[in-house]
Amino acid sequence: MKTALPRGYGIRALRLRLLLRRRELVREVHSHVDAARTAGGFEGRADPGGEDYAQTQQAELDLAEAARDSAELAAIDTALTRMALGEYGLCALCGQPVPQTRLEANPHALHCIACATAAEQVPG
């Protein structure tokens, strides 16, 4: 596996963490979608005063959790692709190395702290 990062970054360990988390997320997404189907989340909105309202609310929660997990899954896939290309651990905006501590905390981080902070401060 090629990488532009120093050897001490533990790329193999981070890759394994990403792959294990990816497998877990795929299961969770399927579980949330199945739960939403079971609760009737694909049959339209229920009347707030009706019997099906709680089931519809649960189905919407399950779908929201599936969407959140899908977003994390996409970020992991991007990180794995960047690993294969030798771009992993380099900020996608400025090209500087992402600190090892940041990657250990969030292995699918795309940006260095400075760029991530600047992006968060941009309005809207």
PDB file of N, CA and C in Angstrom:
ATOM      1  N   MET A   1       0.854  -1.174   0.000  1.00  0.00           N
ATOM      2  CA  MET A   1       0.000   0.000   0.000  1.00  0.00           C
ATOM      3  C   MET A   1       0.898   1.235   0.000  1.00  0.00           C
ATOM      4  N   LYS A   2       0.761   2.057  -1.001  1.00  0.00           N
ATOM      5  CA  LYS A   2       1.579   3.259  -1.088  1.00  0.00           C
ATOM      6  C   LYS A   2       0.934   4.395  -0.310  1.00  0.00           C
ATOM      7  N   THR A   3       1.764   5.263   0.223  1.00  0.00           N
ATOM      8  CA  THR A   3       1.266   6.426   0.941  1.00  0.00           C
ATOM      9  C   THR A   3       2.358   7.481   0.990  1.00  0.00           C
ATOM     10  N   ALA A   4       1.964   8.714   1.044  1.00  0.00           N
ATOM     11  CA  ALA A   4       2.917   9.813   1.138  1.00  0.00           C
ATOM     12  C   ALA A   4       3.230  10.145   2.591  1.00  0.00           C
ATOM     13  N   LEU A   5       2.621   9.441   3.523  1.00  0.00           N
ATOM     14  CA  LEU A   5       2.802   9.731   4.943  1.00  0.00           C
ATOM     15  C   LEU A   5       4.022   9.012   5.511  1.00  0.00           C
ATOM     16  N   PRO A   6       4.572   9.549   6.599  1.00  0.00           N
ATOM     17  CA  PRO A   6       5.682   8.860   7.263  1.00  0.00           C
ATOM     18  C   PRO A   6       5.266   7.479   7.747  1.00  0.00           C
ATOM     19  N   ARG A   7       6.226   6.579   7.856  1.00  0.00           N
ATOM     20  CA  ARG A   7       5.940   5.198   8.257  1.00  0.00           C
ATOM     21  C   ARG A   7       5.225   5.094   9.600  1.00  0.00           C
ATOM     22  N   GLY A   8       5.510   5.975  10.538  1.00  0.00           N
ATOM     23  CA  GLY A   8       4.947   5.887  11.878  1.00  0.00           C
ATOM     24  C   GLY A   8       3.452   6.112  11.959  1.00  0.00           C
ATOM     25  N   TYR A   9       2.809   6.424  10.868  1.00  0.00           N
ATOM     26  CA  TYR A   9       1.381   6.740  10.912  1.00  0.00           C
ATOM     27  C   TYR A   9       0.495   5.509  11.111  1.00  0.00           C
ATOM     28  N   GLY A  10       1.003   4.311  10.965  1.00  0.00           N
ATOM     29  CA  GLY A  10       0.186   3.121  11.194  1.00  0.00           C
ATOM     30  C   GLY A  10      -0.957   2.980  10.210  1.00  0.00           C
ATOM     31  N   ILE A  11      -0.671   3.182   8.919  1.00  0.00           N
ATOM     32  CA  ILE A  11      -1.699   3.150   7.885  1.00  0.00           C
ATOM     33  C   ILE A  11      -2.432   1.812   7.873  1.00  0.00           C
ATOM     34  N   ARG A  12      -1.705   0.722   8.032  1.00  0.00           N
ATOM     35  CA  ARG A  12      -2.360  -0.603   7.996  1.00  0.00           C
ATOM     36  C   ARG A  12      -3.385  -0.748   9.113  1.00  0.00           C
ATOM     37  N   ALA A  13      -3.034  -0.285  10.297  1.00  0.00           N
ATOM     38  CA  ALA A  13      -3.967  -0.364  11.431  1.00  0.00           C
ATOM     39  C   ALA A  13      -5.191   0.512  11.177  1.00  0.00           C
ATOM     40  N   LEU A  14      -4.972   1.697  10.614  1.00  0.00           N
ATOM     41  CA  LEU A  14      -6.100   2.579  10.312  1.00  0.00           C
ATOM     42  C   LEU A  14      -6.979   1.976   9.222  1.00  0.00           C
ATOM     43  N   ARG A  15      -6.361   1.343   8.233  1.00  0.00           N
ATOM     44  CA  ARG A  15      -7.128   0.695   7.161  1.00  0.00           C
ATOM     45  C   ARG A  15      -8.003  -0.424   7.742  1.00  0.00           C
ATOM     46  N   LEU A  16      -7.432  -1.211   8.633  1.00  0.00           N
ATOM     47  CA  LEU A  16      -8.206  -2.283   9.265  1.00  0.00           C
ATOM     48  C   LEU A  16      -9.377  -1.707  10.054  1.00  0.00           C
ATOM     49  N   ARG A  17      -9.143  -0.629  10.803  1.00  0.00           N
ATOM     50  CA  ARG A  17     -10.244   0.007  11.537  1.00  0.00           C
ATOM     51  C   ARG A  17     -11.341   0.475  10.595  1.00  0.00           C
ATOM     52  N   LEU A  18     -10.936   1.073   9.461  1.00  0.00           N
ATOM     53  CA  LEU A  18     -11.920   1.540   8.483  1.00  0.00           C
ATOM     54  C   LEU A  18     -12.721   0.374   7.914  1.00  0.00           C
ATOM     55  N   LEU A  19     -12.044  -0.714   7.580  1.00  0.00           N
ATOM     56  CA  LEU A  19     -12.737  -1.875   7.005  1.00  0.00           C
ATOM     57  C   LEU A  19     -13.701  -2.509   8.006  1.00  0.00           C
ATOM     58  N   LEU A  20     -13.290  -2.606   9.255  1.00  0.00           N
ATOM     59  CA  LEU A  20     -14.175  -3.175  10.281  1.00  0.00           C
ATOM     60  C   LEU A  20     -15.388  -2.275  10.523  1.00  0.00           C
ATOM     61  N   ARG A  21     -15.157  -0.967  10.597  1.00  0.00           N
ATOM     62  CA  ARG A  21     -16.269  -0.026  10.786  1.00  0.00           C
ATOM     63  C   ARG A  21     -17.206  -0.060   9.586  1.00  0.00           C
ATOM     64  N   ARG A  22     -16.630  -0.198   8.381  1.00  0.00           N
ATOM     65  CA  ARG A  22     -17.440  -0.271   7.171  1.00  0.00           C
ATOM     66  C   ARG A  22     -18.381  -1.468   7.230  1.00  0.00           C
ATOM     67  N   ARG A  23     -17.840  -2.624   7.624  1.00  0.00           N
ATOM     68  CA  ARG A  23     -18.664  -3.831   7.718  1.00  0.00           C
ATOM     69  C   ARG A  23     -19.793  -3.633   8.720  1.00  0.00           C
ATOM     70  N   GLU A  24     -19.479  -3.014   9.862  1.00  0.00           N
ATOM     71  CA  GLU A  24     -20.489  -2.744  10.891  1.00  0.00           C
ATOM     72  C   GLU A  24     -21.571  -1.799  10.363  1.00  0.00           C
ATOM     73  N   LEU A  25     -21.179  -0.756   9.649  1.00  0.00           N
ATOM     74  CA  LEU A  25     -22.138   0.214   9.123  1.00  0.00           C
ATOM     75  C   LEU A  25     -23.053  -0.397   8.071  1.00  0.00           C
ATOM     76  N   VAL A  26     -22.519  -1.252   7.223  1.00  0.00           N
ATOM     77  CA  VAL A  26     -23.358  -1.907   6.206  1.00  0.00           C
ATOM     78  C   VAL A  26     -24.462  -2.701   6.904  1.00  0.00           C
ATOM     79  N   ARG A  27     -24.099  -3.439   7.945  1.00  0.00           N
ATOM     80  CA  ARG A  27     -25.119  -4.194   8.701  1.00  0.00           C
ATOM     81  C   ARG A  27     -26.139  -3.258   9.332  1.00  0.00           C
ATOM     82  N   GLU A  28     -25.660  -2.147   9.915  1.00  0.00           N
ATOM     83  CA  GLU A  28     -26.573  -1.208  10.572  1.00  0.00           C
ATOM     84  C   GLU A  28     -27.537  -0.561   9.575  1.00  0.00           C
ATOM     85  N   VAL A  29     -27.042  -0.181   8.416  1.00  0.00           N
ATOM     86  CA  VAL A  29     -27.914   0.429   7.409  1.00  0.00           C
ATOM     87  C   VAL A  29     -29.011  -0.550   7.017  1.00  0.00           C
ATOM     88  N   HIS A  30     -28.636  -1.790   6.744  1.00  0.00           N
ATOM     89  CA  HIS A  30     -29.640  -2.801   6.380  1.00  0.00           C
ATOM     90  C   HIS A  30     -30.642  -3.010   7.512  1.00  0.00           C
ATOM     91  N   SER A  31     -30.149  -3.024   8.725  1.00  0.00           N
ATOM     92  CA  SER A  31     -31.031  -3.211   9.878  1.00  0.00           C
ATOM     93  C   SER A  31     -32.018  -2.059  10.023  1.00  0.00           C
ATOM     94  N   HIS A  32     -31.543  -0.827   9.873  1.00  0.00           N
ATOM     95  CA  HIS A  32     -32.432   0.341   9.988  1.00  0.00           C
ATOM     96  C   HIS A  32     -33.481   0.354   8.882  1.00  0.00           C
ATOM     97  N   VAL A  33     -33.073   0.027   7.667  1.00  0.00           N
ATOM     98  CA  VAL A  33     -34.029   0.018   6.551  1.00  0.00           C
ATOM     99  C   VAL A  33     -35.059  -1.086   6.763  1.00  0.00           C
ATOM    100  N   ASP A  34     -34.612  -2.255   7.192  1.00  0.00           N
ATOM    101  CA  ASP A  34     -35.557  -3.349   7.476  1.00  0.00           C
ATOM    102  C   ASP A  34     -36.531  -2.963   8.586  1.00  0.00           C
ATOM    103  N   ALA A  35     -36.016  -2.312   9.623  1.00  0.00           N
ATOM    104  CA  ALA A  35     -36.890  -1.884  10.727  1.00  0.00           C
ATOM    105  C   ALA A  35     -37.908  -0.856  10.251  1.00  0.00           C
ATOM    106  N   ALA A  36     -37.478   0.058   9.378  1.00  0.00           N
ATOM    107  CA  ALA A  36     -38.407   1.059   8.851  1.00  0.00           C
ATOM    108  C   ALA A  36     -39.498   0.399   8.021  1.00  0.00           C
ATOM    109  N   ARG A  37     -39.119  -0.590   7.238  1.00  0.00           N
ATOM    110  CA  ARG A  37     -40.126  -1.310   6.438  1.00  0.00           C
ATOM    111  C   ARG A  37     -41.129  -2.011   7.345  1.00  0.00           C
ATOM    112  N   THR A  38     -40.623  -2.651   8.388  1.00  0.00           N
ATOM    113  CA  THR A  38     -41.488  -3.367   9.325  1.00  0.00           C
ATOM    114  C   THR A  38     -42.452  -2.415  10.028  1.00  0.00           C
ATOM    115  N   ALA A  39     -41.959  -1.214  10.349  1.00  0.00           N
ATOM    116  CA  ALA A  39     -42.797  -0.227  11.040  1.00  0.00           C
ATOM    117  C   ALA A  39     -43.748   0.484  10.087  1.00  0.00           C
ATOM    118  N   GLY A  40     -43.613   0.245   8.803  1.00  0.00           N
ATOM    119  CA  GLY A  40     -44.519   0.861   7.840  1.00  0.00           C
ATOM    120  C   GLY A  40     -44.068   2.225   7.391  1.00  0.00           C
ATOM    121  N   GLY A  41     -42.762   2.465   7.399  1.00  0.00           N
ATOM    122  CA  GLY A  41     -42.240   3.780   7.062  1.00  0.00           C
ATOM    123  C   GLY A  41     -42.336   4.158   5.605  1.00  0.00           C
ATOM    124  N   PHE A  42     -42.762   3.259   4.747  1.00  0.00           N
ATOM    125  CA  PHE A  42     -42.815   3.558   3.321  1.00  0.00           C
ATOM    126  C   PHE A  42     -44.245   3.718   2.823  1.00  0.00           C
ATOM    127  N   GLU A  43     -45.182   3.854   3.737  1.00  0.00           N
ATOM    128  CA  GLU A  43     -46.589   3.896   3.347  1.00  0.00           C
ATOM    129  C   GLU A  43     -47.196   5.286   3.497  1.00  0.00           C
ATOM    130  N   GLY A  44     -46.384   6.298   3.637  1.00  0.00           N
ATOM    131  CA  GLY A  44     -46.919   7.646   3.752  1.00  0.00           C
ATOM    132  C   GLY A  44     -47.039   8.082   5.201  1.00  0.00           C
ATOM    133  N   ARG A  45     -47.413   9.312   5.404  1.00  0.00           N
ATOM    134  CA  ARG A  45     -47.528   9.873   6.747  1.00  0.00           C
ATOM    135  C   ARG A  45     -48.834   9.451   7.408  1.00  0.00           C
ATOM    136  N   ALA A  46     -48.715   9.179   8.687  1.00  0.00           N
ATOM    137  CA  ALA A  46     -49.891   8.820   9.476  1.00  0.00           C
ATOM    138  C   ALA A  46     -50.444  10.074  10.143  1.00  0.00           C
ATOM    139  N   ASP A  47     -51.716  10.057  10.427  1.00  0.00           N
ATOM    140  CA  ASP A  47     -52.377  11.145  11.129  1.00  0.00           C
ATOM    141  C   ASP A  47     -51.825  11.214  12.556  1.00  0.00           C
ATOM    142  N   PRO A  48     -51.383  12.405  13.032  1.00  0.00           N
ATOM    143  CA  PRO A  48     -50.815  12.507  14.375  1.00  0.00           C
ATOM    144  C   PRO A  48     -51.713  11.948  15.471  1.00  0.00           C
ATOM    145  N   GLY A  49     -52.992  11.945  15.263  1.00  0.00           N
ATOM    146  CA  GLY A  49     -53.892  11.397  16.267  1.00  0.00           C
ATOM    147  C   GLY A  49     -54.203   9.932  16.045  1.00  0.00           C
ATOM    148  N   GLY A  50     -53.692   9.363  14.975  1.00  0.00           N
ATOM    149  CA  GLY A  50     -54.012   7.984  14.618  1.00  0.00           C
ATOM    150  C   GLY A  50     -53.133   6.946  15.300  1.00  0.00           C
ATOM    151  N   GLU A  51     -53.560   5.703  15.140  1.00  0.00           N
ATOM    152  CA  GLU A  51     -52.848   4.583  15.767  1.00  0.00           C
ATOM    153  C   GLU A  51     -51.463   4.366  15.172  1.00  0.00           C
ATOM    154  N   ASP A  52     -51.288   4.670  13.912  1.00  0.00           N
ATOM    155  CA  ASP A  52     -50.032   4.369  13.228  1.00  0.00           C
ATOM    156  C   ASP A  52     -48.972   5.449  13.408  1.00  0.00           C
ATOM    157  N   TYR A  53     -49.293   6.504  14.130  1.00  0.00           N
ATOM    158  CA  TYR A  53     -48.369   7.622  14.250  1.00  0.00           C
ATOM    159  C   TYR A  53     -47.043   7.213  14.884  1.00  0.00           C
ATOM    160  N   ALA A  54     -47.072   6.463  15.982  1.00  0.00           N
ATOM    161  CA  ALA A  54     -45.840   6.033  16.662  1.00  0.00           C
ATOM    162  C   ALA A  54     -45.001   5.161  15.742  1.00  0.00           C
ATOM    163  N   GLN A  55     -45.652   4.291  14.979  1.00  0.00           N
ATOM    164  CA  GLN A  55     -44.924   3.440  14.045  1.00  0.00           C
ATOM    165  C   GLN A  55     -44.265   4.277  12.939  1.00  0.00           C
ATOM    166  N   THR A  56     -44.984   5.267  12.460  1.00  0.00           N
ATOM    167  CA  THR A  56     -44.434   6.138  11.423  1.00  0.00           C
ATOM    168  C   THR A  56     -43.254   6.930  11.964  1.00  0.00           C
ATOM    169  N   GLN A  57     -43.379   7.430  13.192  1.00  0.00           N
ATOM    170  CA  GLN A  57     -42.273   8.163  13.813  1.00  0.00           C
ATOM    171  C   GLN A  57     -41.044   7.269  13.958  1.00  0.00           C
ATOM    172  N   GLN A  58     -41.248   6.033  14.384  1.00  0.00           N
ATOM    173  CA  GLN A  58     -40.125   5.099  14.531  1.00  0.00           C
ATOM    174  C   GLN A  58     -39.501   4.803  13.175  1.00  0.00           C
ATOM    175  N   ALA A  59     -40.320   4.642  12.161  1.00  0.00           N
ATOM    176  CA  ALA A  59     -39.798   4.378  10.817  1.00  0.00           C
ATOM    177  C   ALA A  59     -38.965   5.557  10.324  1.00  0.00           C
ATOM    178  N   GLU A  60     -39.428   6.789  10.587  1.00  0.00           N
ATOM    179  CA  GLU A  60     -38.663   7.964  10.178  1.00  0.00           C
ATOM    180  C   GLU A  60     -37.344   8.049  10.923  1.00  0.00           C
ATOM    181  N   LEU A  61     -37.334   7.676  12.199  1.00  0.00           N
ATOM    182  CA  LEU A  61     -36.097   7.644  12.978  1.00  0.00           C
ATOM    183  C   LEU A  61     -35.132   6.604  12.409  1.00  0.00           C
ATOM    184  N   ASP A  62     -35.652   5.432  12.083  1.00  0.00           N
ATOM    185  CA  ASP A  62     -34.816   4.383  11.489  1.00  0.00           C
ATOM    186  C   ASP A  62     -34.210   4.847  10.167  1.00  0.00           C
ATOM    187  N   LEU A  63     -34.993   5.531   9.348  1.00  0.00           N
ATOM    188  CA  LEU A  63     -34.485   6.022   8.067  1.00  0.00           C
ATOM    189  C   LEU A  63     -33.445   7.121   8.261  1.00  0.00           C
ATOM    190  N   ALA A  64     -33.646   7.966   9.266  1.00  0.00           N
ATOM    191  CA  ALA A  64     -32.656   9.009   9.552  1.00  0.00           C
ATOM    192  C   ALA A  64     -31.340   8.388  10.017  1.00  0.00           C
ATOM    193  N   GLU A  65     -31.425   7.347  10.834  1.00  0.00           N
ATOM    194  CA  GLU A  65     -30.214   6.665  11.286  1.00  0.00           C
ATOM    195  C   GLU A  65     -29.521   5.969  10.118  1.00  0.00           C
ATOM    196  N   ALA A  66     -30.294   5.408   9.207  1.00  0.00           N
ATOM    197  CA  ALA A  66     -29.713   4.781   8.015  1.00  0.00           C
ATOM    198  C   ALA A  66     -29.006   5.828   7.166  1.00  0.00           C
ATOM    199  N   ALA A  67     -29.576   7.017   7.043  1.00  0.00           N
ATOM    200  CA  ALA A  67     -28.955   8.090   6.262  1.00  0.00           C
ATOM    201  C   ALA A  67     -27.653   8.546   6.917  1.00  0.00           C
ATOM    202  N   ARG A  68     -27.661   8.688   8.229  1.00  0.00           N
ATOM    203  CA  ARG A  68     -26.446   9.077   8.950  1.00  0.00           C
ATOM    204  C   ARG A  68     -25.351   8.039   8.758  1.00  0.00           C
ATOM    205  N   ASP A  69     -25.710   6.763   8.911  1.00  0.00           N
ATOM    206  CA  ASP A  69     -24.743   5.690   8.728  1.00  0.00           C
ATOM    207  C   ASP A  69     -24.241   5.629   7.288  1.00  0.00           C
ATOM    208  N   SER A  70     -25.120   5.906   6.337  1.00  0.00           N
ATOM    209  CA  SER A  70     -24.722   5.912   4.923  1.00  0.00           C
ATOM    210  C   SER A  70     -23.715   7.024   4.640  1.00  0.00           C
ATOM    211  N   ALA A  71     -23.875   8.167   5.283  1.00  0.00           N
ATOM    212  CA  ALA A  71     -22.926   9.267   5.105  1.00  0.00           C
ATOM    213  C   ALA A  71     -21.554   8.882   5.651  1.00  0.00           C
ATOM    214  N   GLU A  72     -21.529   8.237   6.805  1.00  0.00           N
ATOM    215  CA  GLU A  72     -20.251   7.776   7.361  1.00  0.00           C
ATOM    216  C   GLU A  72     -19.635   6.709   6.463  1.00  0.00           C
ATOM    217  N   LEU A  73     -20.470   5.849   5.926  1.00  0.00           N
ATOM    218  CA  LEU A  73     -20.007   4.809   5.002  1.00  0.00           C
ATOM    219  C   LEU A  73     -19.354   5.430   3.767  1.00  0.00           C
ATOM    220  N   ALA A  74     -19.946   6.481   3.236  1.00  0.00           N
ATOM    221  CA  ALA A  74     -19.369   7.173   2.078  1.00  0.00           C
ATOM    222  C   ALA A  74     -18.016   7.794   2.434  1.00  0.00           C
ATOM    223  N   ALA A  75     -17.904   8.356   3.638  1.00  0.00           N
ATOM    224  CA  ALA A  75     -16.633   8.944   4.071  1.00  0.00           C
ATOM    225  C   ALA A  75     -15.557   7.873   4.208  1.00  0.00           C
ATOM    226  N   ILE A  76     -15.945   6.716   4.707  1.00  0.00           N
ATOM    227  CA  ILE A  76     -14.997   5.600   4.833  1.00  0.00           C
ATOM    228  C   ILE A  76     -14.555   5.137   3.455  1.00  0.00           C
ATOM    229  N   ASP A  77     -15.494   5.013   2.530  1.00  0.00           N
ATOM    230  CA  ASP A  77     -15.144   4.599   1.171  1.00  0.00           C
ATOM    231  C   ASP A  77     -14.182   5.602   0.522  1.00  0.00           C
ATOM    232  N   THR A  78     -14.390   6.888   0.779  1.00  0.00           N
ATOM    233  CA  THR A  78     -13.484   7.907   0.259  1.00  0.00           C
ATOM    234  C   THR A  78     -12.092   7.733   0.853  1.00  0.00           C
ATOM    235  N   ALA A  79     -12.025   7.477   2.161  1.00  0.00           N
ATOM    236  CA  ALA A  79     -10.724   7.276   2.814  1.00  0.00           C
ATOM    237  C   ALA A  79     -10.014   6.051   2.250  1.00  0.00           C
ATOM    238  N   LEU A  80     -10.745   4.974   2.041  1.00  0.00           N
ATOM    239  CA  LEU A  80     -10.139   3.757   1.487  1.00  0.00           C
ATOM    240  C   LEU A  80      -9.644   3.989   0.061  1.00  0.00           C
ATOM    241  N   THR A  81     -10.397   4.744  -0.724  1.00  0.00           N
ATOM    242  CA  THR A  81      -9.967   5.078  -2.089  1.00  0.00           C
ATOM    243  C   THR A  81      -8.704   5.926  -2.039  1.00  0.00           C
ATOM    244  N   ARG A  82      -8.678   6.905  -1.137  1.00  0.00           N
ATOM    245  CA  ARG A  82      -7.489   7.754  -0.998  1.00  0.00           C
ATOM    246  C   ARG A  82      -6.278   6.937  -0.561  1.00  0.00           C
ATOM    247  N   MET A  83      -6.495   5.905   0.244  1.00  0.00           N
ATOM    248  CA  MET A  83      -5.392   5.016   0.629  1.00  0.00           C
ATOM    249  C   MET A  83      -4.831   4.321  -0.606  1.00  0.00           C
ATOM    250  N   ALA A  84      -5.720   3.796  -1.422  1.00  0.00           N
ATOM    251  CA  ALA A  84      -5.294   3.076  -2.624  1.00  0.00           C
ATOM    252  C   ALA A  84      -4.540   3.982  -3.589  1.00  0.00           C
ATOM    253  N   LEU A  85      -4.889   5.261  -3.592  1.00  0.00           N
ATOM    254  CA  LEU A  85      -4.250   6.227  -4.487  1.00  0.00           C
ATOM    255  C   LEU A  85      -2.988   6.859  -3.888  1.00  0.00           C
ATOM    256  N   GLY A  86      -2.711   6.545  -2.621  1.00  0.00           N
ATOM    257  CA  GLY A  86      -1.558   7.146  -1.958  1.00  0.00           C
ATOM    258  C   GLY A  86      -1.807   8.559  -1.478  1.00  0.00           C
ATOM    259  N   GLU A  87      -3.076   8.945  -1.373  1.00  0.00           N
ATOM    260  CA  GLU A  87      -3.437  10.305  -0.957  1.00  0.00           C
ATOM    261  C   GLU A  87      -3.958  10.353   0.472  1.00  0.00           C
ATOM    262  N   TYR A  88      -4.106   9.201   1.095  1.00  0.00           N
ATOM    263  CA  TYR A  88      -4.683   9.144   2.437  1.00  0.00           C
ATOM    264  C   TYR A  88      -3.793   9.889   3.433  1.00  0.00           C
ATOM    265  N   GLY A  89      -4.422  10.616   4.316  1.00  0.00           N
ATOM    266  CA  GLY A  89      -3.705  11.323   5.362  1.00  0.00           C
ATOM    267  C   GLY A  89      -3.164  12.667   4.931  1.00  0.00           C
ATOM    268  N   LEU A  90      -3.382  13.016   3.682  1.00  0.00           N
ATOM    269  CA  LEU A  90      -3.024  14.342   3.207  1.00  0.00           C
ATOM    270  C   LEU A  90      -4.313  15.137   3.069  1.00  0.00           C
ATOM    271  N   CYS A  91      -4.301  16.351   3.552  1.00  0.00           N
ATOM    272  CA  CYS A  91      -5.497  17.194   3.510  1.00  0.00           C
ATOM    273  C   CYS A  91      -5.983  17.330   2.066  1.00  0.00           C
ATOM    274  N   ALA A  92      -7.261  17.103   1.861  1.00  0.00           N
ATOM    275  CA  ALA A  92      -7.856  17.191   0.526  1.00  0.00           C
ATOM    276  C   ALA A  92      -7.901  18.632   0.010  1.00  0.00           C
ATOM    277  N   LEU A  93      -7.710  19.607   0.896  1.00  0.00           N
ATOM    278  CA  LEU A  93      -7.733  21.020   0.473  1.00  0.00           C
ATOM    279  C   LEU A  93      -6.332  21.598   0.280  1.00  0.00           C
ATOM    280  N   CYS A  94      -5.461  21.441   1.282  1.00  0.00           N
ATOM    281  CA  CYS A  94      -4.146  22.091   1.205  1.00  0.00           C
ATOM    282  C   CYS A  94      -3.008  21.125   0.899  1.00  0.00           C
ATOM    283  N   GLY A  95      -3.249  19.822   1.018  1.00  0.00           N
ATOM    284  CA  GLY A  95      -2.227  18.829   0.708  1.00  0.00           C
ATOM    285  C   GLY A  95      -1.235  18.551   1.822  1.00  0.00           C
ATOM    286  N   GLN A  96      -1.360  19.245   2.940  1.00  0.00           N
ATOM    287  CA  GLN A  96      -0.467  19.012   4.074  1.00  0.00           C
ATOM    288  C   GLN A  96      -0.899  17.744   4.821  1.00  0.00           C
ATOM    289  N   PRO A  97       0.042  17.081   5.510  1.00  0.00           N
ATOM    290  CA  PRO A  97      -0.330  15.882   6.265  1.00  0.00           C
ATOM    291  C   PRO A  97      -1.357  16.186   7.360  1.00  0.00           C
ATOM    292  N   VAL A  98      -2.322  15.295   7.490  1.00  0.00           N
ATOM    293  CA  VAL A  98      -3.283  15.373   8.587  1.00  0.00           C
ATOM    294  C   VAL A  98      -2.574  14.764   9.798  1.00  0.00           C
ATOM    295  N   PRO A  99      -2.594  15.426  10.956  1.00  0.00           N
ATOM    296  CA  PRO A  99      -1.875  14.888  12.113  1.00  0.00           C
ATOM    297  C   PRO A  99      -2.321  13.454  12.450  1.00  0.00           C
ATOM    298  N   GLN A 100      -1.357  12.657  12.850  1.00  0.00           N
ATOM    299  CA  GLN A 100      -1.637  11.263  13.177  1.00  0.00           C
ATOM    300  C   GLN A 100      -2.701  11.150  14.262  1.00  0.00           C
ATOM    301  N   THR A 101      -2.655  12.037  15.242  1.00  0.00           N
ATOM    302  CA  THR A 101      -3.653  11.980  16.318  1.00  0.00           C
ATOM    303  C   THR A 101      -5.063  12.209  15.785  1.00  0.00           C
ATOM    304  N   ARG A 102      -5.187  13.065  14.770  1.00  0.00           N
ATOM    305  CA  ARG A 102      -6.506  13.309  14.158  1.00  0.00           C
ATOM    306  C   ARG A 102      -6.988  12.064  13.428  1.00  0.00           C
ATOM    307  N   LEU A 103      -6.092  11.423  12.690  1.00  0.00           N
ATOM    308  CA  LEU A 103      -6.473  10.207  11.963  1.00  0.00           C
ATOM    309  C   LEU A 103      -6.807   9.063  12.923  1.00  0.00           C
ATOM    310  N   GLU A 104      -6.109   8.992  14.032  1.00  0.00           N
ATOM    311  CA  GLU A 104      -6.429   7.960  15.018  1.00  0.00           C
ATOM    312  C   GLU A 104      -7.806   8.192  15.630  1.00  0.00           C
ATOM    313  N   ALA A 105      -8.156   9.451  15.843  1.00  0.00           N
ATOM    314  CA  ALA A 105      -9.472   9.784  16.401  1.00  0.00           C
ATOM    315  C   ALA A 105     -10.571   9.631  15.361  1.00  0.00           C
ATOM    316  N   ASN A 106     -10.256   9.966  14.108  1.00  0.00           N
ATOM    317  CA  ASN A 106     -11.233   9.925  13.024  1.00  0.00           C
ATOM    318  C   ASN A 106     -10.525   9.446  11.754  1.00  0.00           C
ATOM    319  N   PRO A 107     -10.427   8.125  11.559  1.00  0.00           N
ATOM    320  CA  PRO A 107      -9.651   7.597  10.436  1.00  0.00           C
ATOM    321  C   PRO A 107     -10.137   8.018   9.053  1.00  0.00           C
ATOM    322  N   HIS A 108     -11.342   8.543   8.944  1.00  0.00           N
ATOM    323  CA  HIS A 108     -11.815   8.983   7.633  1.00  0.00           C
ATOM    324  C   HIS A 108     -11.780  10.508   7.480  1.00  0.00           C
ATOM    325  N   ALA A 109     -10.987  11.175   8.330  1.00  0.00           N
ATOM    326  CA  ALA A 109     -10.821  12.623   8.213  1.00  0.00           C
ATOM    327  C   ALA A 109     -10.163  12.962   6.881  1.00  0.00           C
ATOM    328  N   LEU A 110     -10.716  13.939   6.191  1.00  0.00           N
ATOM    329  CA  LEU A 110     -10.192  14.362   4.892  1.00  0.00           C
ATOM    330  C   LEU A 110      -9.336  15.619   4.972  1.00  0.00           C
ATOM    331  N   HIS A 111      -9.444  16.354   6.074  1.00  0.00           N
ATOM    332  CA  HIS A 111      -8.801  17.662   6.145  1.00  0.00           C
ATOM    333  C   HIS A 111      -7.940  17.803   7.391  1.00  0.00           C
ATOM    334  N   CYS A 112      -6.902  18.618   7.258  1.00  0.00           N
ATOM    335  CA  CYS A 112      -6.099  18.964   8.425  1.00  0.00           C
ATOM    336  C   CYS A 112      -6.975  19.833   9.345  1.00  0.00           C
ATOM    337  N   ILE A 113      -6.506  20.061  10.540  1.00  0.00           N
ATOM    338  CA  ILE A 113      -7.291  20.815  11.514  1.00  0.00           C
ATOM    339  C   ILE A 113      -7.548  22.248  11.035  1.00  0.00           C
ATOM    340  N   ALA A 114      -6.530  22.873  10.456  1.00  0.00           N
ATOM    341  CA  ALA A 114      -6.694  24.265   9.995  1.00  0.00           C
ATOM    342  C   ALA A 114      -7.770  24.362   8.920  1.00  0.00           C
ATOM    343  N   CYS A 115      -7.738  23.470   7.942  1.00  0.00           N
ATOM    344  CA  CYS A 115      -8.740  23.512   6.856  1.00  0.00           C
ATOM    345  C   CYS A 115     -10.126  23.131   7.367  1.00  0.00           C
ATOM    346  N   ALA A 116     -10.209  22.143   8.254  1.00  0.00           N
ATOM    347  CA  ALA A 116     -11.503  21.748   8.815  1.00  0.00           C
ATOM    348  C   ALA A 116     -12.106  22.896   9.627  1.00  0.00           C
ATOM    349  N   THR A 117     -11.272  23.580  10.388  1.00  0.00           N
ATOM    350  CA  THR A 117     -11.744  24.713  11.184  1.00  0.00           C
ATOM    351  C   THR A 117     -12.231  25.835  10.285  1.00  0.00           C
ATOM    352  N   ALA A 118     -11.471  26.130   9.247  1.00  0.00           N
ATOM    353  CA  ALA A 118     -11.860  27.184   8.304  1.00  0.00           C
ATOM    354  C   ALA A 118     -13.176  26.832   7.599  1.00  0.00           C
ATOM    355  N   ALA A 119     -13.347  25.570   7.236  1.00  0.00           N
ATOM    356  CA  ALA A 119     -14.586  25.138   6.555  1.00  0.00           C
ATOM    357  C   ALA A 119     -15.791  25.257   7.480  1.00  0.00           C
ATOM    358  N   GLU A 120     -15.600  24.998   8.765  1.00  0.00           N
ATOM    359  CA  GLU A 120     -16.702  25.106   9.734  1.00  0.00           C
ATOM    360  C   GLU A 120     -17.114  26.548   9.970  1.00  0.00           C
ATOM    361  N   GLN A 121     -16.205  27.482   9.759  1.00  0.00           N
ATOM    362  CA  GLN A 121     -16.499  28.886  10.007  1.00  0.00           C
ATOM    363  C   GLN A 121     -17.143  29.587   8.824  1.00  0.00           C
ATOM    364  N   VAL A 122     -17.200  28.920   7.677  1.00  0.00           N
ATOM    365  CA  VAL A 122     -17.842  29.508   6.501  1.00  0.00           C
ATOM    366  C   VAL A 122     -19.349  29.473   6.712  1.00  0.00           C
ATOM    367  N   PRO A 123     -20.043  30.605   6.602  1.00  0.00           N
ATOM    368  CA  PRO A 123     -21.494  30.616   6.808  1.00  0.00           C
ATOM    369  C   PRO A 123     -22.234  29.827   5.735  1.00  0.00           C
ATOM    370  N   GLY A 124     -23.286  29.133   6.214  1.00  0.00           N
ATOM    371  CA  GLY A 124     -24.256  28.502   5.437  1.00  0.00           C
ATOM    372  C   GLY A 124     -24.027  27.558   4.431  1.00  0.00           C
TER     373      GLY A 124
END
